[in-house]
Amino acid sequence: MPDVKLSIAGRDYFVACNAGEEQRLLELGAMVNATAHQVTGGARGLTETRALLFSALMLADKLHDAGGAVRADTAEPSATVVQSADTLERLATQLENLALRLEN
């Protein structure tokens, strides 16, 4: 199982993934990083834990909105949308678990 190095909000994280999922994970990490920069832009005193939490919430909100748009267009989301949603949910869970560990 390969490890992928993700740089998010100025820190490096190593995340295990299945073979062949490396590029996808890098792309998702870039999305999280961009969201983390949005969250921390100009915000002083925001801890890393809270920045990751807000990033996860913003991504979850986008995912929720995208899911509503898919349901409005079709009765069944495409396999790509389902796979993307699953991957984002796994990444959000990992970020939330990391945030909890950093708080303790």
N, C-alpha and C. Protein backbone atom coordinates (compact mmCIF):
# COMPACT_ATOMS: atom_id res chain seq x y z
N MET A 1 0.85 -1.16 0.00
CA MET A 1 0.00 0.00 0.00
C MET A 1 0.91 1.23 0.00
N PRO A 2 0.85 2.03 -1.06
CA PRO A 2 1.73 3.20 -1.15
C PRO A 2 1.32 4.31 -0.19
N ASP A 3 2.31 5.09 0.23
CA ASP A 3 2.08 6.31 1.01
C ASP A 3 2.21 7.50 0.08
N VAL A 4 1.32 8.45 0.25
CA VAL A 4 1.35 9.68 -0.56
C VAL A 4 1.60 10.83 0.39
N LYS A 5 2.50 11.72 0.01
CA LYS A 5 2.79 12.91 0.82
C LYS A 5 1.88 14.04 0.37
N LEU A 6 1.06 14.52 1.30
CA LEU A 6 0.17 15.64 1.04
C LEU A 6 0.67 16.85 1.82
N SER A 7 0.77 17.97 1.17
CA SER A 7 1.14 19.22 1.84
C SER A 7 -0.12 20.05 2.01
N ILE A 8 -0.53 20.21 3.26
CA ILE A 8 -1.78 20.92 3.56
C ILE A 8 -1.49 21.97 4.61
N ALA A 9 -1.78 23.20 4.26
CA ALA A 9 -1.62 24.34 5.18
C ALA A 9 -0.21 24.40 5.76
N GLY A 10 0.77 24.13 4.91
CA GLY A 10 2.16 24.26 5.33
C GLY A 10 2.74 23.06 6.05
N ARG A 11 1.99 22.00 6.20
CA ARG A 11 2.50 20.79 6.85
C ARG A 11 2.39 19.62 5.90
N ASP A 12 3.29 18.69 6.08
CA ASP A 12 3.28 17.48 5.26
C ASP A 12 2.64 16.34 6.03
N TYR A 13 1.79 15.59 5.33
CA TYR A 13 1.11 14.42 5.90
C TYR A 13 1.33 13.26 4.95
N PHE A 14 1.57 12.10 5.51
CA PHE A 14 1.72 10.89 4.71
C PHE A 14 0.46 10.04 4.90
N VAL A 15 -0.19 9.75 3.78
CA VAL A 15 -1.47 9.04 3.81
C VAL A 15 -1.34 7.79 2.95
N ALA A 16 -1.73 6.66 3.51
CA ALA A 16 -1.70 5.41 2.76
C ALA A 16 -2.92 5.33 1.84
N CYS A 17 -2.72 4.72 0.69
CA CYS A 17 -3.82 4.54 -0.25
C CYS A 17 -3.59 3.24 -1.03
N ASN A 18 -4.59 2.84 -1.76
CA ASN A 18 -4.47 1.66 -2.60
C ASN A 18 -3.62 1.98 -3.83
N ALA A 19 -2.97 0.97 -4.37
CA ALA A 19 -2.17 1.16 -5.57
C ALA A 19 -3.07 1.71 -6.68
N GLY A 20 -2.56 2.71 -7.38
CA GLY A 20 -3.31 3.32 -8.47
C GLY A 20 -4.14 4.52 -8.05
N GLU A 21 -4.28 4.76 -6.75
CA GLU A 21 -5.07 5.89 -6.25
C GLU A 21 -4.21 7.10 -5.91
N GLU A 22 -2.91 7.01 -6.15
CA GLU A 22 -2.00 8.06 -5.73
C GLU A 22 -2.34 9.42 -6.34
N GLN A 23 -2.54 9.47 -7.64
CA GLN A 23 -2.82 10.74 -8.30
C GLN A 23 -4.12 11.35 -7.80
N ARG A 24 -5.11 10.53 -7.63
CA ARG A 24 -6.41 11.01 -7.13
C ARG A 24 -6.26 11.61 -5.73
N LEU A 25 -5.50 10.92 -4.89
CA LEU A 25 -5.28 11.42 -3.53
C LEU A 25 -4.52 12.74 -3.55
N LEU A 26 -3.54 12.87 -4.44
CA LEU A 26 -2.81 14.13 -4.58
C LEU A 26 -3.75 15.26 -4.99
N GLU A 27 -4.67 14.97 -5.91
CA GLU A 27 -5.63 15.98 -6.36
C GLU A 27 -6.57 16.38 -5.22
N LEU A 28 -7.02 15.40 -4.45
CA LEU A 28 -7.89 15.70 -3.31
C LEU A 28 -7.14 16.49 -2.25
N GLY A 29 -5.87 16.12 -2.03
CA GLY A 29 -5.05 16.87 -1.08
C GLY A 29 -4.88 18.31 -1.51
N ALA A 30 -4.73 18.54 -2.81
CA ALA A 30 -4.63 19.91 -3.32
C ALA A 30 -5.92 20.68 -3.05
N MET A 31 -7.06 20.00 -3.16
CA MET A 31 -8.34 20.65 -2.87
C MET A 31 -8.41 21.05 -1.39
N VAL A 32 -7.99 20.13 -0.53
CA VAL A 32 -8.01 20.41 0.91
C VAL A 32 -7.05 21.56 1.23
N ASN A 33 -5.88 21.54 0.60
CA ASN A 33 -4.91 22.61 0.83
C ASN A 33 -5.47 23.96 0.40
N ALA A 34 -6.09 24.01 -0.76
CA ALA A 34 -6.69 25.26 -1.23
C ALA A 34 -7.77 25.74 -0.28
N THR A 35 -8.58 24.81 0.21
CA THR A 35 -9.63 25.18 1.16
C THR A 35 -9.03 25.65 2.48
N ALA A 36 -7.97 24.99 2.93
CA ALA A 36 -7.30 25.41 4.17
C ALA A 36 -6.75 26.82 4.03
N HIS A 37 -6.22 27.16 2.86
CA HIS A 37 -5.71 28.51 2.64
C HIS A 37 -6.85 29.52 2.62
N GLN A 38 -8.01 29.14 2.09
CA GLN A 38 -9.18 30.02 2.14
C GLN A 38 -9.58 30.27 3.59
N VAL A 39 -9.60 29.21 4.37
CA VAL A 39 -10.03 29.30 5.76
C VAL A 39 -9.07 30.16 6.58
N THR A 40 -7.78 29.97 6.37
CA THR A 40 -6.80 30.67 7.20
C THR A 40 -6.42 32.03 6.65
N GLY A 41 -6.84 32.37 5.46
CA GLY A 41 -6.50 33.67 4.87
C GLY A 41 -6.99 34.81 5.73
N GLY A 42 -6.05 35.49 6.38
CA GLY A 42 -6.40 36.65 7.19
C GLY A 42 -6.89 36.33 8.59
N ALA A 43 -7.11 35.07 8.90
CA ALA A 43 -7.60 34.71 10.23
C ALA A 43 -6.42 34.52 11.17
N ARG A 44 -6.38 35.31 12.20
CA ARG A 44 -5.30 35.18 13.18
C ARG A 44 -5.80 34.37 14.36
N GLY A 45 -4.90 33.58 14.91
CA GLY A 45 -5.25 32.81 16.09
C GLY A 45 -6.01 31.53 15.79
N LEU A 46 -6.18 31.20 14.54
CA LEU A 46 -6.89 29.97 14.18
C LEU A 46 -5.90 28.82 14.30
N THR A 47 -6.18 27.88 15.20
CA THR A 47 -5.27 26.75 15.39
C THR A 47 -5.33 25.82 14.18
N GLU A 48 -4.30 25.01 14.06
CA GLU A 48 -4.26 24.06 12.95
C GLU A 48 -5.47 23.12 13.00
N THR A 49 -5.82 22.71 14.19
CA THR A 49 -6.97 21.81 14.37
C THR A 49 -8.25 22.47 13.85
N ARG A 50 -8.48 23.70 14.24
CA ARG A 50 -9.69 24.39 13.81
C ARG A 50 -9.66 24.68 12.31
N ALA A 51 -8.47 25.00 11.78
CA ALA A 51 -8.36 25.24 10.34
C ALA A 51 -8.72 23.97 9.57
N LEU A 52 -8.23 22.82 10.03
CA LEU A 52 -8.57 21.56 9.36
C LEU A 52 -10.04 21.23 9.53
N LEU A 53 -10.59 21.52 10.70
CA LEU A 53 -12.01 21.28 10.93
C LEU A 53 -12.85 22.13 9.98
N PHE A 54 -12.56 23.43 9.88
CA PHE A 54 -13.31 24.31 8.99
C PHE A 54 -13.12 23.92 7.53
N SER A 55 -11.92 23.47 7.19
CA SER A 55 -11.68 23.01 5.82
C SER A 55 -12.56 21.80 5.51
N ALA A 56 -12.60 20.85 6.44
CA ALA A 56 -13.43 19.66 6.24
C ALA A 56 -14.90 20.04 6.12
N LEU A 57 -15.34 20.99 6.95
CA LEU A 57 -16.74 21.42 6.88
C LEU A 57 -17.06 22.11 5.55
N MET A 58 -16.14 22.93 5.07
CA MET A 58 -16.37 23.61 3.78
C MET A 58 -16.44 22.59 2.65
N LEU A 59 -15.55 21.61 2.66
CA LEU A 59 -15.57 20.59 1.62
C LEU A 59 -16.83 19.73 1.72
N ALA A 60 -17.23 19.41 2.94
CA ALA A 60 -18.46 18.64 3.13
C ALA A 60 -19.66 19.41 2.61
N ASP A 61 -19.67 20.72 2.83
CA ASP A 61 -20.75 21.57 2.35
C ASP A 61 -20.80 21.56 0.82
N LYS A 62 -19.64 21.68 0.18
CA LYS A 62 -19.58 21.62 -1.28
C LYS A 62 -20.05 20.25 -1.79
N LEU A 63 -19.64 19.21 -1.10
CA LEU A 63 -20.05 17.85 -1.48
C LEU A 63 -21.56 17.70 -1.34
N HIS A 64 -22.10 18.23 -0.27
CA HIS A 64 -23.54 18.16 -0.05
C HIS A 64 -24.29 18.90 -1.15
N ASP A 65 -23.81 20.11 -1.47
CA ASP A 65 -24.44 20.88 -2.55
C ASP A 65 -24.34 20.16 -3.89
N ALA A 66 -23.20 19.57 -4.16
CA ALA A 66 -23.01 18.83 -5.42
C ALA A 66 -23.93 17.62 -5.47
N GLY A 67 -24.11 16.96 -4.35
CA GLY A 67 -25.02 15.81 -4.31
C GLY A 67 -26.44 16.22 -4.59
N GLY A 68 -26.85 17.38 -4.11
CA GLY A 68 -28.19 17.89 -4.38
C GLY A 68 -28.37 18.21 -5.85
N ALA A 69 -27.32 18.76 -6.46
CA ALA A 69 -27.39 19.09 -7.89
C ALA A 69 -27.49 17.81 -8.71
N VAL A 70 -26.77 16.78 -8.31
CA VAL A 70 -26.83 15.51 -9.03
C VAL A 70 -28.22 14.91 -8.91
N ARG A 71 -28.78 14.93 -7.70
CA ARG A 71 -30.12 14.36 -7.50
C ARG A 71 -31.17 15.13 -8.29
N ALA A 72 -30.96 16.42 -8.45
CA ALA A 72 -31.92 17.21 -9.21
C ALA A 72 -31.86 16.88 -10.70
N ASP A 73 -30.67 16.52 -11.19
CA ASP A 73 -30.50 16.24 -12.62
C ASP A 73 -30.86 14.81 -12.99
N THR A 74 -30.52 13.88 -12.13
CA THR A 74 -30.75 12.46 -12.43
C THR A 74 -31.23 11.75 -11.19
N ALA A 75 -31.84 10.63 -11.41
CA ALA A 75 -32.29 9.83 -10.28
C ALA A 75 -31.12 9.12 -9.61
N GLU A 76 -30.07 8.87 -10.35
CA GLU A 76 -28.92 8.13 -9.82
C GLU A 76 -27.62 8.85 -10.18
N PRO A 77 -26.74 9.11 -9.16
CA PRO A 77 -25.46 9.75 -9.47
C PRO A 77 -24.55 8.82 -10.25
N SER A 78 -23.67 9.41 -11.03
CA SER A 78 -22.75 8.61 -11.83
C SER A 78 -21.73 7.92 -10.91
N ALA A 79 -21.08 6.90 -11.43
CA ALA A 79 -20.07 6.18 -10.67
C ALA A 79 -18.93 7.11 -10.27
N THR A 80 -18.58 8.05 -11.13
CA THR A 80 -17.50 8.99 -10.83
C THR A 80 -17.87 9.87 -9.65
N VAL A 81 -19.11 10.35 -9.61
CA VAL A 81 -19.56 11.20 -8.52
C VAL A 81 -19.57 10.40 -7.22
N VAL A 82 -20.05 9.18 -7.26
CA VAL A 82 -20.08 8.33 -6.07
C VAL A 82 -18.66 8.07 -5.57
N GLN A 83 -17.74 7.75 -6.48
CA GLN A 83 -16.36 7.48 -6.10
C GLN A 83 -15.72 8.74 -5.51
N SER A 84 -15.97 9.88 -6.13
CA SER A 84 -15.43 11.14 -5.61
C SER A 84 -15.98 11.43 -4.22
N ALA A 85 -17.24 11.23 -4.04
CA ALA A 85 -17.87 11.46 -2.74
C ALA A 85 -17.28 10.53 -1.68
N ASP A 86 -17.12 9.27 -2.02
CA ASP A 86 -16.54 8.31 -1.08
C ASP A 86 -15.11 8.70 -0.70
N THR A 87 -14.33 9.10 -1.69
CA THR A 87 -12.94 9.48 -1.43
C THR A 87 -12.89 10.73 -0.57
N LEU A 88 -13.72 11.73 -0.87
CA LEU A 88 -13.75 12.95 -0.06
C LEU A 88 -14.21 12.66 1.37
N GLU A 89 -15.17 11.77 1.51
CA GLU A 89 -15.63 11.42 2.86
C GLU A 89 -14.53 10.73 3.65
N ARG A 90 -13.78 9.82 3.00
CA ARG A 90 -12.66 9.16 3.69
C ARG A 90 -11.60 10.18 4.09
N LEU A 91 -11.29 11.10 3.20
CA LEU A 91 -10.30 12.12 3.50
C LEU A 91 -10.79 13.03 4.63
N ALA A 92 -12.04 13.41 4.60
CA ALA A 92 -12.60 14.25 5.66
C ALA A 92 -12.54 13.53 7.00
N THR A 93 -12.83 12.24 7.00
CA THR A 93 -12.76 11.46 8.24
C THR A 93 -11.34 11.41 8.76
N GLN A 94 -10.38 11.21 7.86
CA GLN A 94 -8.97 11.19 8.27
C GLN A 94 -8.56 12.55 8.85
N LEU A 95 -9.00 13.63 8.22
CA LEU A 95 -8.68 14.97 8.72
C LEU A 95 -9.33 15.22 10.09
N GLU A 96 -10.56 14.78 10.25
CA GLU A 96 -11.23 14.96 11.54
C GLU A 96 -10.52 14.16 12.62
N ASN A 97 -10.10 12.92 12.30
CA ASN A 97 -9.37 12.12 13.27
C ASN A 97 -8.03 12.77 13.62
N LEU A 98 -7.36 13.31 12.63
CA LEU A 98 -6.11 14.02 12.87
C LEU A 98 -6.34 15.23 13.76
N ALA A 99 -7.40 15.97 13.47
CA ALA A 99 -7.71 17.14 14.28
C ALA A 99 -7.96 16.76 15.74
N LEU A 100 -8.66 15.66 15.94
CA LEU A 100 -8.91 15.20 17.31
C LEU A 100 -7.62 14.82 18.02
N ARG A 101 -6.72 14.14 17.29
CA ARG A 101 -5.44 13.77 17.90
C ARG A 101 -4.61 14.99 18.22
N LEU A 102 -4.66 16.01 17.38
CA LEU A 102 -3.88 17.22 17.61
C LEU A 102 -4.43 17.99 18.81
N GLU A 103 -5.73 17.92 19.03
CA GLU A 103 -6.32 18.61 20.17
C GLU A 103 -5.93 17.97 21.47
N ASN A 104 -5.71 16.65 21.46
CA ASN A 104 -5.39 15.92 22.71
C ASN A 104 -3.93 15.86 22.99
